[in-house]
Structure formats: structure tokens, C-alpha cells
């Protein structure tokens, strides 16, 4: 498998890490969020839904994006290791699910939008879609190595 796609996923994670870090710094620093006149970032990020067990949700997002960045770099370094691919996909799926919940809260509970949060949700959606496509494609035999069972299944059974 090419290393280009995991590097693209690493770039997405790096952008998400920047956004989440910015929101975490503004949350703890009590500084206003630059929202460019789109939505109501301050309201969303000061709502009761913006923290979980005393931790800003954006801080959890930063931790997720750091994990996605490390996972994508590992995947780029060892592109044929299906465990790295599945690990990345699992993190992307979890992030997508939680971002979906937070988007629901923004739209239907708070009736407000945070452009940074929506951008993060879009990054997680794209990360999940790309990693899903790559993971599904990794199990297909290539013309150079015809096989009856996908290599990914053999690798997973050995583990």
C-alpha cells in the first residue's frame, strides 16, 4: 500500500490537533474564541456540554488527534501492518461518533453552531471515510500477488 494516504491522514490529524489545542487554550485561558462572525463559538464552548469530568471536550479532542497523528505516522512507516490500520480506524470511528453526538447537541439542544467544532467534525468524518476505504481496499489481492484469501485476514489470524 502507498504511504501517501496515511500521510494525508496525518495532515488531517495535525490540523485537528491545532484546532483542538486552540479551543483548549482559549477554554482554560478564558480568552475569547475567534469565530469570524460564523455561529456562536463562545456559547457552545462555555455550555455545560463543553466539559466532561472537568476536562474541556476540546482537550479530549486534542488527545484523540494526537493519537490519530501517531497512528497515521505508524501506518505510513509500516503500511502493510493491518493492526495499525485497524487501530487508526477505531480511533477515527470513536471520534466520529462523539463528534456526531456533539453536533446533535449544538443543533438541537443549544441551537448554536461553533465553526471550529464543525470543522473538527468534518475532519473526523473525512478521516473515517478515508481510513475505511483504505482498510477495505487493503484486503483485496493485487495483480502482483493473486490469492484466495486477503492477506489482512491471514495477518489477523496469526496475531
Protein backbone atom coordinates (compact mmCIF):
# COMPACT_ATOMS: atom_id res chain seq x y z
CA UNK A 1 0.00 0.00 0.00
CA UNK A 2 1.16 3.51 -0.70
CA UNK A 3 2.35 5.77 2.09
CA UNK A 4 0.58 8.78 0.59
CA UNK A 5 -2.84 8.11 2.14
CA UNK A 6 -1.58 7.68 5.74
CA UNK A 7 0.46 10.87 5.34
CA UNK A 8 -2.74 12.63 4.21
CA UNK A 9 -4.47 11.26 7.33
CA UNK A 10 -1.56 12.57 9.43
CA UNK A 11 -2.07 16.04 7.94
CA UNK A 12 -5.78 15.89 8.80
CA UNK A 13 -4.88 14.88 12.35
CA UNK A 14 -2.36 17.70 12.61
CA UNK A 15 -5.00 20.25 11.55
CA UNK A 16 -7.44 18.77 14.07
CA UNK A 17 -4.78 18.87 16.78
CA UNK A 18 -4.25 22.56 16.05
CA UNK A 19 -7.97 23.32 16.28
CA UNK A 20 -8.48 21.31 19.48
CA UNK A 21 -5.38 22.81 21.07
CA UNK A 22 -6.57 26.33 20.23
CA UNK A 23 -10.00 25.66 21.75
CA UNK A 24 -8.44 24.11 24.86
CA UNK A 25 -6.11 27.08 25.36
CA UNK A 26 -8.96 29.55 24.99
CA UNK A 27 -11.12 27.49 27.36
CA UNK A 28 -8.51 27.40 30.14
CA UNK A 29 -7.23 30.90 29.43
CA UNK A 30 -10.68 32.44 29.44
CA UNK A 31 -9.90 34.29 26.24
CA UNK A 32 -12.49 34.90 23.52
CA UNK A 33 -12.61 32.50 20.60
CA UNK A 34 -12.10 33.94 17.11
CA UNK A 35 -15.22 32.75 15.36
CA UNK A 36 -15.09 35.02 12.28
CA UNK A 37 -18.71 36.02 12.75
CA UNK A 38 -19.91 32.49 11.97
CA UNK A 39 -22.02 30.86 14.66
CA UNK A 40 -21.69 31.33 18.41
CA UNK A 41 -18.46 29.63 19.44
CA UNK A 42 -18.39 31.29 22.87
CA UNK A 43 -21.83 29.98 23.80
CA UNK A 44 -21.09 26.46 22.59
CA UNK A 45 -17.70 26.28 24.30
CA UNK A 46 -18.97 27.66 27.60
CA UNK A 47 -22.03 25.39 27.75
CA UNK A 48 -22.27 22.50 30.24
CA UNK A 49 -21.63 20.16 27.28
CA UNK A 50 -18.17 21.66 26.70
CA UNK A 51 -16.63 19.76 29.62
CA UNK A 52 -16.56 16.11 30.59
CA UNK A 53 -15.44 15.19 34.10
CA UNK A 54 -13.89 18.63 34.49
CA UNK A 55 -11.86 18.35 31.28
CA UNK A 56 -12.68 20.52 28.26
CA UNK A 57 -14.07 18.39 25.45
CA UNK A 58 -11.57 20.16 23.19
CA UNK A 59 -8.77 18.72 25.37
CA UNK A 60 -10.16 15.24 24.79
CA UNK A 61 -10.24 16.09 21.09
CA UNK A 62 -6.58 17.13 21.23
CA UNK A 63 -5.72 13.79 22.83
CA UNK A 64 -7.69 11.97 20.12
CA UNK A 65 -5.98 13.92 17.34
CA UNK A 66 -2.56 13.23 18.88
CA UNK A 67 -3.43 9.52 18.83
CA UNK A 68 -4.63 9.77 15.24
CA UNK A 69 -1.42 11.57 14.27
CA UNK A 70 0.75 8.88 15.87
CA UNK A 71 -1.43 6.16 14.35
CA UNK A 72 -1.20 7.66 10.86
CA UNK A 73 2.57 8.08 11.12
CA UNK A 74 2.90 4.48 12.28
CA UNK A 75 0.70 3.39 9.38
CA UNK A 76 2.88 5.38 6.95
CA UNK A 77 6.00 3.80 8.44
CA UNK A 78 4.59 0.26 8.26
CA UNK A 79 1.91 0.44 5.55
CA UNK A 80 1.25 -3.30 5.44
CA UNK A 81 0.60 -3.74 9.19
CA UNK A 82 -3.15 -4.20 9.36
CA UNK A 83 -3.17 -3.69 13.14
CA UNK A 84 -2.07 -0.08 12.68
CA UNK A 85 -4.77 0.42 10.07
CA UNK A 86 -7.47 -1.06 12.30
CA UNK A 87 -6.24 0.94 15.31
CA UNK A 88 -6.39 4.18 13.36
CA UNK A 89 -9.83 3.28 12.02
CA UNK A 90 -11.10 2.53 15.54
CA UNK A 91 -9.91 5.89 16.85
CA UNK A 92 -11.45 7.67 13.85
CA UNK A 93 -14.74 5.83 14.40
CA UNK A 94 -14.83 6.77 18.10
CA UNK A 95 -14.05 10.40 17.31
CA UNK A 96 -16.66 10.49 14.56
CA UNK A 97 -19.29 9.06 16.91
CA UNK A 98 -18.58 11.56 19.68
CA UNK A 99 -18.39 14.45 17.19
CA UNK A 100 -21.79 13.34 15.87
CA UNK A 101 -23.22 13.49 19.39
CA UNK A 102 -21.71 16.95 19.96
CA UNK A 103 -23.07 18.17 16.63
CA UNK A 104 -26.52 16.95 17.66
CA UNK A 105 -26.15 18.88 20.93
CA UNK A 106 -25.13 22.02 19.05
CA UNK A 107 -28.03 21.86 16.60
CA UNK A 108 -30.89 20.56 18.72
CA UNK A 109 -30.07 21.34 22.34
CA UNK A 110 -28.02 24.55 22.28
CA UNK A 111 -29.42 25.83 18.98
CA UNK A 112 -25.98 27.27 18.19
CA UNK A 113 -23.02 26.35 16.00
CA UNK A 114 -19.29 26.55 16.62
CA UNK A 115 -17.43 26.77 13.32
CA UNK A 116 -14.31 25.22 14.90
CA UNK A 117 -16.33 22.29 16.24
CA UNK A 118 -17.97 21.73 12.87
CA UNK A 119 -14.58 21.84 11.15
CA UNK A 120 -13.30 19.24 13.61
CA UNK A 121 -16.35 17.06 12.94
CA UNK A 122 -15.69 17.35 9.20
CA UNK A 123 -12.03 16.34 9.70
CA UNK A 124 -13.09 13.29 11.71
CA UNK A 125 -15.68 12.35 9.09
CA UNK A 126 -13.10 12.58 6.32
CA UNK A 127 -10.58 10.62 8.40
CA UNK A 128 -13.14 7.86 8.97
CA UNK A 129 -14.17 7.71 5.31
CA UNK A 130 -10.60 7.60 4.00
CA UNK A 131 -9.42 5.05 6.57
CA UNK A 132 -12.48 2.86 5.94
CA UNK A 133 -11.85 2.88 2.19
CA UNK A 134 -8.17 2.10 2.71
CA UNK A 135 -8.88 -0.66 5.18
CA UNK A 136 -11.40 -2.29 2.86
CA UNK A 137 -9.02 -1.96 -0.07
CA UNK A 138 -6.10 -3.43 1.88
CA UNK A 139 -7.80 -6.82 1.92
CA UNK A 140 -8.03 -7.02 -1.87
CA UNK A 141 -5.38 -9.01 -3.72
CA UNK A 142 -3.16 -7.07 -6.08
CA UNK A 143 -2.27 -8.27 -9.60
CA UNK A 144 1.29 -8.98 -8.39
CA UNK A 145 0.08 -11.29 -5.65
CA UNK A 146 -3.11 -13.17 -6.54
CA UNK A 147 -4.52 -15.02 -3.57
CA UNK A 148 -7.63 -16.79 -2.47
CA UNK A 149 -7.87 -15.06 0.94
CA UNK A 150 -6.97 -11.45 1.67
CA UNK A 151 -3.57 -11.05 3.31
CA UNK A 152 -5.17 -8.93 6.00
CA UNK A 153 -7.22 -11.88 7.25
CA UNK A 154 -4.15 -14.12 7.41
CA UNK A 155 -2.27 -11.48 9.33
CA UNK A 156 -5.11 -11.00 11.81
CA UNK A 157 -5.44 -14.73 12.46
CA UNK A 158 -1.72 -15.03 13.28
CA UNK A 159 -1.98 -12.35 15.96
